[in-house]
PDB file of N, CA and C in Angstrom:
ATOM      1  N   MET A   1     -58.595 -54.652 -78.129  1.00  0.00           N
ATOM      2  CA  MET A   1     -58.402 -53.361 -78.942  1.00  0.00           C
ATOM      3  C   MET A   1     -59.579 -52.299 -79.075  1.00  0.00           C
ATOM      4  N   LYS A   2     -60.885 -53.516 -79.790  1.00  0.00           N
ATOM      5  CA  LYS A   2     -61.896 -53.272 -79.729  1.00  0.00           C
ATOM      6  C   LYS A   2     -62.657 -52.497 -79.030  1.00  0.00           C
ATOM      7  N   SER A   3     -62.672 -53.433 -77.970  1.00  0.00           N
ATOM      8  CA  SER A   3     -63.785 -53.276 -76.831  1.00  0.00           C
ATOM      9  C   SER A   3     -63.582 -51.989 -76.526  1.00  0.00           C
ATOM     10  N   PHE A   4     -61.978 -51.938 -75.906  1.00  0.00           N
ATOM     11  CA  PHE A   4     -61.318 -50.353 -76.071  1.00  0.00           C
ATOM     12  C   PHE A   4     -61.997 -48.678 -76.648  1.00  0.00           C
ATOM     13  N   PHE A   5     -61.666 -49.293 -77.788  1.00  0.00           N
ATOM     14  CA  PHE A   5     -62.314 -48.053 -78.580  1.00  0.00           C
ATOM     15  C   PHE A   5     -64.073 -47.830 -78.691  1.00  0.00           C
ATOM     16  N   GLU A   6     -64.311 -49.169 -78.163  1.00  0.00           N
ATOM     17  CA  GLU A   6     -65.983 -48.937 -78.011  1.00  0.00           C
ATOM     18  C   GLU A   6     -66.534 -48.538 -77.217  1.00  0.00           C
ATOM     19  N   ALA A   7     -65.896 -48.491 -75.580  1.00  0.00           N
ATOM     20  CA  ALA A   7     -65.586 -47.942 -74.542  1.00  0.00           C
ATOM     21  C   ALA A   7     -65.642 -46.295 -74.622  1.00  0.00           C
ATOM     22  N   ILE A   8     -64.877 -46.045 -75.561  1.00  0.00           N
ATOM     23  CA  ILE A   8     -64.881 -44.578 -75.961  1.00  0.00           C
ATOM     24  C   ILE A   8     -66.010 -44.182 -76.607  1.00  0.00           C
ATOM     25  N   GLN A   9     -66.664 -44.879 -77.702  1.00  0.00           N
ATOM     26  CA  GLN A   9     -67.367 -44.379 -78.150  1.00  0.00           C
ATOM     27  C   GLN A   9     -68.471 -44.489 -77.265  1.00  0.00           C
ATOM     28  N   SER A  10     -68.900 -45.548 -76.629  1.00  0.00           N
ATOM     29  CA  SER A  10     -70.063 -45.161 -75.023  1.00  0.00           C
ATOM     30  C   SER A  10     -69.887 -44.236 -74.572  1.00  0.00           C
ATOM     31  N   LEU A  11     -68.944 -43.661 -74.245  1.00  0.00           N
ATOM     32  CA  LEU A  11     -68.635 -42.855 -73.110  1.00  0.00           C
ATOM     33  C   LEU A  11     -69.042 -41.401 -73.720  1.00  0.00           C
ATOM     34  N   PHE A  12     -68.795 -40.844 -74.786  1.00  0.00           N
ATOM     35  CA  PHE A  12     -69.025 -39.572 -75.795  1.00  0.00           C
ATOM     36  C   PHE A  12     -70.246 -39.699 -76.160  1.00  0.00           C
ATOM     37  N   VAL A  13     -70.912 -41.019 -76.825  1.00  0.00           N
ATOM     38  CA  VAL A  13     -72.272 -41.160 -77.638  1.00  0.00           C
ATOM     39  C   VAL A  13     -73.380 -41.050 -76.338  1.00  0.00           C
ATOM     40  N   ASP A  14     -73.279 -42.031 -75.508  1.00  0.00           N
ATOM     41  CA  ASP A  14     -74.372 -42.189 -74.279  1.00  0.00           C
ATOM     42  C   ASP A  14     -73.871 -41.315 -73.284  1.00  0.00           C
ATOM     43  N   PHE A  15     -72.957 -40.806 -72.571  1.00  0.00           N
ATOM     44  CA  PHE A  15     -72.886 -39.387 -71.723  1.00  0.00           C
ATOM     45  C   PHE A  15     -72.429 -38.487 -72.086  1.00  0.00           C
ATOM     46  N   LEU A  16     -71.080 -38.077 -72.769  1.00  0.00           N
ATOM     47  CA  LEU A  16     -71.152 -36.811 -72.889  1.00  0.00           C
ATOM     48  C   LEU A  16     -71.747 -35.708 -73.530  1.00  0.00           C
ATOM     49  N   PHE A  17     -72.381 -36.201 -74.629  1.00  0.00           N
ATOM     50  CA  PHE A  17     -72.737 -35.935 -75.574  1.00  0.00           C
ATOM     51  C   PHE A  17     -74.273 -35.571 -75.593  1.00  0.00           C
ATOM     52  N   LEU A  18     -74.484 -35.795 -74.473  1.00  0.00           N
ATOM     53  CA  LEU A  18     -76.162 -35.803 -73.991  1.00  0.00           C
ATOM     54  C   LEU A  18     -76.584 -34.383 -74.022  1.00  0.00           C
ATOM     55  N   PRO A  19     -75.932 -33.535 -73.487  1.00  0.00           N
ATOM     56  CA  PRO A  19     -76.248 -31.890 -73.372  1.00  0.00           C
ATOM     57  C   PRO A  19     -76.258 -31.280 -74.858  1.00  0.00           C
ATOM     58  N   PHE A  20     -75.711 -31.816 -75.665  1.00  0.00           N
ATOM     59  CA  PHE A  20     -75.705 -31.037 -77.147  1.00  0.00           C
ATOM     60  C   PHE A  20     -77.041 -31.686 -77.831  1.00  0.00           C
ATOM     61  N   ASP A  21     -77.136 -33.202 -77.922  1.00  0.00           N
ATOM     62  CA  ASP A  21     -78.344 -33.884 -78.051  1.00  0.00           C
ATOM     63  C   ASP A  21     -79.967 -32.976 -77.824  1.00  0.00           C
ATOM     64  N   ALA A  22     -79.410 -32.402 -76.283  1.00  0.00           N
ATOM     65  CA  ALA A  22     -80.454 -31.574 -76.154  1.00  0.00           C
ATOM     66  C   ALA A  22     -81.054 -30.290 -76.325  1.00  0.00           C
ATOM     67  N   LEU A  23     -79.994 -29.704 -76.758  1.00  0.00           N
ATOM     68  CA  LEU A  23     -79.788 -28.607 -77.454  1.00  0.00           C
ATOM     69  C   LEU A  23     -80.029 -28.865 -79.051  1.00  0.00           C
ATOM     70  N   ARG A  24     -79.576 -29.581 -79.513  1.00  0.00           N
ATOM     71  CA  ARG A  24     -80.225 -30.004 -81.084  1.00  0.00           C
ATOM     72  C   ARG A  24     -81.502 -30.263 -80.809  1.00  0.00           C
ATOM     73  N   ASN A  25     -82.149 -30.739 -80.024  1.00  0.00           N
ATOM     74  CA  ASN A  25     -83.718 -31.009 -79.964  1.00  0.00           C
ATOM     75  C   ASN A  25     -84.605 -29.999 -79.834  1.00  0.00           C
ATOM     76  N   LEU A  26     -83.921 -29.572 -78.554  1.00  0.00           N
ATOM     77  CA  LEU A  26     -84.792 -28.051 -78.644  1.00  0.00           C
ATOM     78  C   LEU A  26     -84.555 -26.630 -79.889  1.00  0.00           C
ATOM     79  N   GLU A  27     -83.810 -27.198 -80.268  1.00  0.00           N
ATOM     80  CA  GLU A  27     -83.246 -26.271 -81.858  1.00  0.00           C
ATOM     81  C   GLU A  27     -84.387 -25.828 -82.517  1.00  0.00           C
ATOM     82  N   LEU A  28     -85.302 -27.392 -82.517  1.00  0.00           N
ATOM     83  CA  LEU A  28     -86.277 -27.563 -83.417  1.00  0.00           C
ATOM     84  C   LEU A  28     -87.362 -27.137 -83.030  1.00  0.00           C
ATOM     85  N   THR A  29     -87.909 -26.593 -81.827  1.00  0.00           N
ATOM     86  CA  THR A  29     -88.818 -25.746 -81.109  1.00  0.00           C
ATOM     87  C   THR A  29     -88.894 -24.583 -80.436  1.00  0.00           C
ATOM     88  N   ASN A  30     -87.483 -23.821 -80.551  1.00  0.00           N
ATOM     89  CA  ASN A  30     -86.878 -22.965 -80.023  1.00  0.00           C
ATOM     90  C   ASN A  30     -85.210 -22.418 -79.539  1.00  0.00           C
ATOM     91  N   TRP A  31     -85.309 -21.684 -81.192  1.00  0.00           N
ATOM     92  CA  TRP A  31     -83.998 -21.505 -81.776  1.00  0.00           C
ATOM     93  C   TRP A  31     -83.465 -20.334 -80.698  1.00  0.00           C
ATOM     94  N   TRP A  32     -84.244 -19.747 -79.999  1.00  0.00           N
ATOM     95  CA  TRP A  32     -83.482 -18.167 -78.921  1.00  0.00           C
ATOM     96  C   TRP A  32     -82.928 -19.028 -77.936  1.00  0.00           C
ATOM     97  N   GLY A  33     -83.485 -20.197 -77.236  1.00  0.00           N
ATOM     98  CA  GLY A  33     -83.359 -21.027 -76.390  1.00  0.00           C
ATOM     99  C   GLY A  33     -81.962 -21.742 -76.264  1.00  0.00           C
ATOM    100  N   ALA A  34     -82.258 -22.675 -77.603  1.00  0.00           N
ATOM    101  CA  ALA A  34     -81.053 -23.681 -78.000  1.00  0.00           C
ATOM    102  C   ALA A  34     -79.555 -22.771 -78.495  1.00  0.00           C
ATOM    103  N   ASN A  35     -79.694 -21.294 -78.931  1.00  0.00           N
ATOM    104  CA  ASN A  35     -78.486 -20.594 -79.134  1.00  0.00           C
ATOM    105  C   ASN A  35     -78.237 -19.407 -77.598  1.00  0.00           C
ATOM    106  N   PHE A  36     -78.811 -19.453 -76.472  1.00  0.00           N
ATOM    107  CA  PHE A  36     -78.386 -18.850 -75.440  1.00  0.00           C
ATOM    108  C   PHE A  36     -77.011 -18.848 -74.687  1.00  0.00           C
ATOM    109  N   LEU A  37     -76.518 -20.419 -74.922  1.00  0.00           N
ATOM    110  CA  LEU A  37     -75.005 -20.071 -74.403  1.00  0.00           C
ATOM    111  C   LEU A  37     -74.294 -19.446 -75.376  1.00  0.00           C
ATOM    112  N   ASN A  38     -74.649 -19.702 -77.159  1.00  0.00           N
ATOM    113  CA  ASN A  38     -73.713 -18.685 -78.108  1.00  0.00           C
ATOM    114  C   ASN A  38     -74.059 -17.404 -77.578  1.00  0.00           C
ATOM    115  N   TRP A  39     -75.203 -16.938 -76.974  1.00  0.00           N
ATOM    116  CA  TRP A  39     -75.137 -15.211 -77.073  1.00  0.00           C
ATOM    117  C   TRP A  39     -74.339 -14.679 -75.676  1.00  0.00           C
ATOM    118  N   ILE A  40     -74.517 -15.427 -74.881  1.00  0.00           N
ATOM    119  CA  ILE A  40     -74.042 -15.090 -73.686  1.00  0.00           C
ATOM    120  C   ILE A  40     -72.538 -14.653 -74.036  1.00  0.00           C
ATOM    121  N   PHE A  41     -71.896 -15.808 -74.728  1.00  0.00           N
ATOM    122  CA  PHE A  41     -70.227 -15.568 -74.922  1.00  0.00           C
ATOM    123  C   PHE A  41     -70.552 -14.662 -75.984  1.00  0.00           C
ATOM    124  N   ILE A  42     -71.052 -14.510 -76.794  1.00  0.00           N
ATOM    125  CA  ILE A  42     -70.412 -13.617 -77.659  1.00  0.00           C
ATOM    126  C   ILE A  42     -70.924 -12.043 -76.973  1.00  0.00           C
ATOM    127  N   ILE A  43     -71.760 -12.059 -75.969  1.00  0.00           N
ATOM    128  CA  ILE A  43     -71.860 -10.573 -74.895  1.00  0.00           C
ATOM    129  C   ILE A  43     -70.397 -10.770 -74.013  1.00  0.00           C
ATOM    130  N   ILE A  44     -69.831 -11.739 -73.847  1.00  0.00           N
ATOM    131  CA  ILE A  44     -68.078 -11.422 -72.841  1.00  0.00           C
ATOM    132  C   ILE A  44     -67.601 -11.012 -73.422  1.00  0.00           C
ATOM    133  N   CYS A  45     -67.351 -11.541 -74.880  1.00  0.00           N
ATOM    134  CA  CYS A  45     -66.711 -10.974 -76.014  1.00  0.00           C
ATOM    135  C   CYS A  45     -66.919  -9.478 -76.232  1.00  0.00           C
ATOM    136  N   CYS A  46     -67.598  -9.336 -76.552  1.00  0.00           N
ATOM    137  CA  CYS A  46     -67.882  -7.721 -76.638  1.00  0.00           C
ATOM    138  C   CYS A  46     -67.463  -6.613 -75.717  1.00  0.00           C
ATOM    139  N   GLY A  47     -67.508  -6.965 -74.193  1.00  0.00           N
ATOM    140  CA  GLY A  47     -67.217  -6.628 -73.387  1.00  0.00           C
ATOM    141  C   GLY A  47     -65.994  -6.612 -73.324  1.00  0.00           C
ATOM    142  N   ALA A  48     -64.919  -7.627 -73.612  1.00  0.00           N
ATOM    143  CA  ALA A  48     -63.796  -7.900 -73.470  1.00  0.00           C
ATOM    144  C   ALA A  48     -63.142  -6.999 -74.398  1.00  0.00           C
ATOM    145  N   LEU A  49     -63.772  -6.835 -75.861  1.00  0.00           N
ATOM    146  CA  LEU A  49     -63.061  -5.592 -76.786  1.00  0.00           C
ATOM    147  C   LEU A  49     -63.616  -4.678 -76.041  1.00  0.00           C
ATOM    148  N   VAL A  50     -64.711  -4.442 -75.525  1.00  0.00           N
ATOM    149  CA  VAL A  50     -64.803  -2.404 -75.113  1.00  0.00           C
ATOM    150  C   VAL A  50     -63.208  -2.210 -74.229  1.00  0.00           C
ATOM    151  N   TYR A  51     -63.543  -3.664 -73.180  1.00  0.00           N
ATOM    152  CA  TYR A  51     -62.215  -2.293 -72.303  1.00  0.00           C
ATOM    153  C   TYR A  51     -60.831  -2.932 -72.690  1.00  0.00           C
ATOM    154  N   TRP A  52     -60.958  -3.479 -74.289  1.00  0.00           N
ATOM    155  CA  TRP A  52     -58.930  -3.905 -74.719  1.00  0.00           C
ATOM    156  C   TRP A  52     -59.169  -2.225 -75.140  1.00  0.00           C
ATOM    157  N   LEU A  53     -60.320  -1.479 -75.884  1.00  0.00           N
ATOM    158  CA  LEU A  53     -60.188  -0.497 -76.495  1.00  0.00           C
ATOM    159  C   LEU A  53     -59.644   0.590 -75.649  1.00  0.00           C
ATOM    160  N   LYS A  54     -61.035   0.558 -74.247  1.00  0.00           N
ATOM    161  CA  LYS A  54     -60.288   1.594 -73.508  1.00  0.00           C
ATOM    162  C   LYS A  54     -59.282   1.828 -73.048  1.00  0.00           C
ATOM    163  N   GLN A  55     -58.646   0.319 -72.833  1.00  0.00           N
ATOM    164  CA  GLN A  55     -57.304   0.420 -71.946  1.00  0.00           C
ATOM    165  C   GLN A  55     -56.186   1.278 -73.258  1.00  0.00           C
ATOM    166  N   LEU A  56     -56.467   0.566 -74.345  1.00  0.00           N
ATOM    167  CA  LEU A  56     -55.718   1.340 -75.313  1.00  0.00           C
ATOM    168  C   LEU A  56     -55.371   2.426 -75.883  1.00  0.00           C
ATOM    169  N   ASN A  57     -56.678   2.996 -75.635  1.00  0.00           N
ATOM    170  CA  ASN A  57     -56.537   4.735 -75.314  1.00  0.00           C
ATOM    171  C   ASN A  57     -56.279   5.458 -74.018  1.00  0.00           C
ATOM    172  N   ILE A  58     -56.535   5.008 -73.036  1.00  0.00           N
ATOM    173  CA  ILE A  58     -56.168   5.491 -72.049  1.00  0.00           C
ATOM    174  C   ILE A  58     -54.196   5.442 -72.032  1.00  0.00           C
ATOM    175  N   PHE A  59     -53.795   4.457 -72.674  1.00  0.00           N
ATOM    176  CA  PHE A  59     -52.376   3.821 -72.678  1.00  0.00           C
ATOM    177  C   PHE A  59     -52.147   5.186 -74.136  1.00  0.00           C
ATOM    178  N   LYS A  60     -52.532   5.432 -74.866  1.00  0.00           N
ATOM    179  CA  LYS A  60     -52.194   6.473 -75.690  1.00  0.00           C
ATOM    180  C   LYS A  60     -52.508   7.921 -75.353  1.00  0.00           C
ATOM    181  N   ALA A  61     -53.445   8.226 -74.686  1.00  0.00           N
ATOM    182  CA  ALA A  61     -53.712   9.221 -73.912  1.00  0.00           C
ATOM    183  C   ALA A  61     -52.780   9.583 -73.030  1.00  0.00           C
ATOM    184  N   ASN A  62     -51.797   8.865 -72.545  1.00  0.00           N
ATOM    185  CA  ASN A  62     -50.452   9.386 -71.872  1.00  0.00           C
ATOM    186  C   ASN A  62     -49.515   8.609 -72.312  1.00  0.00           C
ATOM    187  N   ASN A  63     -49.313   9.074 -73.879  1.00  0.00           N
ATOM    188  CA  ASN A  63     -48.327   8.821 -74.866  1.00  0.00           C
ATOM    189  C   ASN A  63     -47.379   7.482 -73.945  1.00  0.00           C
ATOM    190  N   GLU A  64     -47.883   6.532 -73.357  1.00  0.00           N
ATOM    191  CA  GLU A  64     -47.171   5.305 -73.309  1.00  0.00           C
ATOM    192  C   GLU A  64     -47.105   4.107 -74.146  1.00  0.00           C
ATOM    193  N   ASP A  65     -47.679   4.723 -75.521  1.00  0.00           N
ATOM    194  CA  ASP A  65     -47.699   4.294 -76.387  1.00  0.00           C
ATOM    195  C   ASP A  65     -47.349   4.079 -77.693  1.00  0.00           C
ATOM    196  N   ASP A  66     -46.204   3.028 -78.130  1.00  0.00           N
ATOM    197  CA  ASP A  66     -45.029   2.947 -78.941  1.00  0.00           C
ATOM    198  C   ASP A  66     -45.917   2.943 -80.566  1.00  0.00           C
ATOM    199  N   ASP A  67     -45.139   3.878 -81.001  1.00  0.00           N
ATOM    200  CA  ASP A  67     -45.965   4.233 -82.379  1.00  0.00           C
ATOM    201  C   ASP A  67     -44.583   3.251 -83.738  1.00  0.00           C
ATOM    202  N   ASN A  68     -43.927   3.171 -82.887  1.00  0.00           N
ATOM    203  CA  ASN A  68     -42.811   2.531 -84.097  1.00  0.00           C
ATOM    204  C   ASN A  68     -43.142   1.516 -84.994  1.00  0.00           C
ATOM    205  N   THR A  69     -42.666   1.355 -85.889  1.00  0.00           N
ATOM    206  CA  THR A  69     -43.126   0.850 -87.022  1.00  0.00           C
ATOM    207  C   THR A  69     -42.922  -0.451 -87.295  1.00  0.00           C
ATOM    208  N   THR A  70     -41.603  -0.788 -86.914  1.00  0.00           N
ATOM    209  CA  THR A  70     -40.847  -2.081 -86.978  1.00  0.00           C
ATOM    210  C   THR A  70     -40.762  -2.577 -85.487  1.00  0.00           C
ATOM    211  N   SER A  71     -41.367  -4.268 -85.628  1.00  0.00           N
ATOM    212  CA  SER A  71     -41.403  -4.880 -84.139  1.00  0.00           C
ATOM    213  C   SER A  71     -40.268  -5.365 -83.430  1.00  0.00           C
ATOM    214  N   HIS A  72     -39.029  -5.545 -84.326  1.00  0.00           N
ATOM    215  CA  HIS A  72     -38.290  -5.960 -84.063  1.00  0.00           C
ATOM    216  C   HIS A  72     -36.820  -5.160 -84.320  1.00  0.00           C
ATOM    217  N   SER A  73     -35.796  -5.085 -83.642  1.00  0.00           N
ATOM    218  CA  SER A  73     -34.683  -4.596 -84.187  1.00  0.00           C
ATOM    219  C   SER A  73     -33.860  -5.382 -85.609  1.00  0.00           C
ATOM    220  N   PHE A  74     -34.146  -6.173 -85.925  1.00  0.00           N
ATOM    221  CA  PHE A  74     -33.229  -6.735 -87.008  1.00  0.00           C
ATOM    222  C   PHE A  74     -34.381  -6.425 -87.870  1.00  0.00           C
ATOM    223  N   LEU A  75     -35.200  -6.069 -87.732  1.00  0.00           N
ATOM    224  CA  LEU A  75     -36.308  -5.564 -89.376  1.00  0.00           C
ATOM    225  C   LEU A  75     -35.522  -3.810 -89.675  1.00  0.00           C
ATOM    226  N   LYS A  76     -35.169  -3.280 -89.042  1.00  0.00           N
ATOM    227  CA  LYS A  76     -34.817  -2.066 -89.061  1.00  0.00           C
ATOM    228  C   LYS A  76     -33.719  -1.978 -90.257  1.00  0.00           C
TER     229      LYS A  76
END
């Protein structure tokens, strides 16, 4: 059983975490390069937020927005 867990450790440490080790080493020399992927995710999330807010405004302009304060009938 010990060799099974050592195999899992070897898989993660020697293979799957290599990109993270490379990013950790890159961060010491170039912070922007190491965080490039994070900035891409932030830009994607900001774009999704803008799209969502535009869709909310479209529904509100068409009076399709339900402004009922109770979310379920049993709360009345």
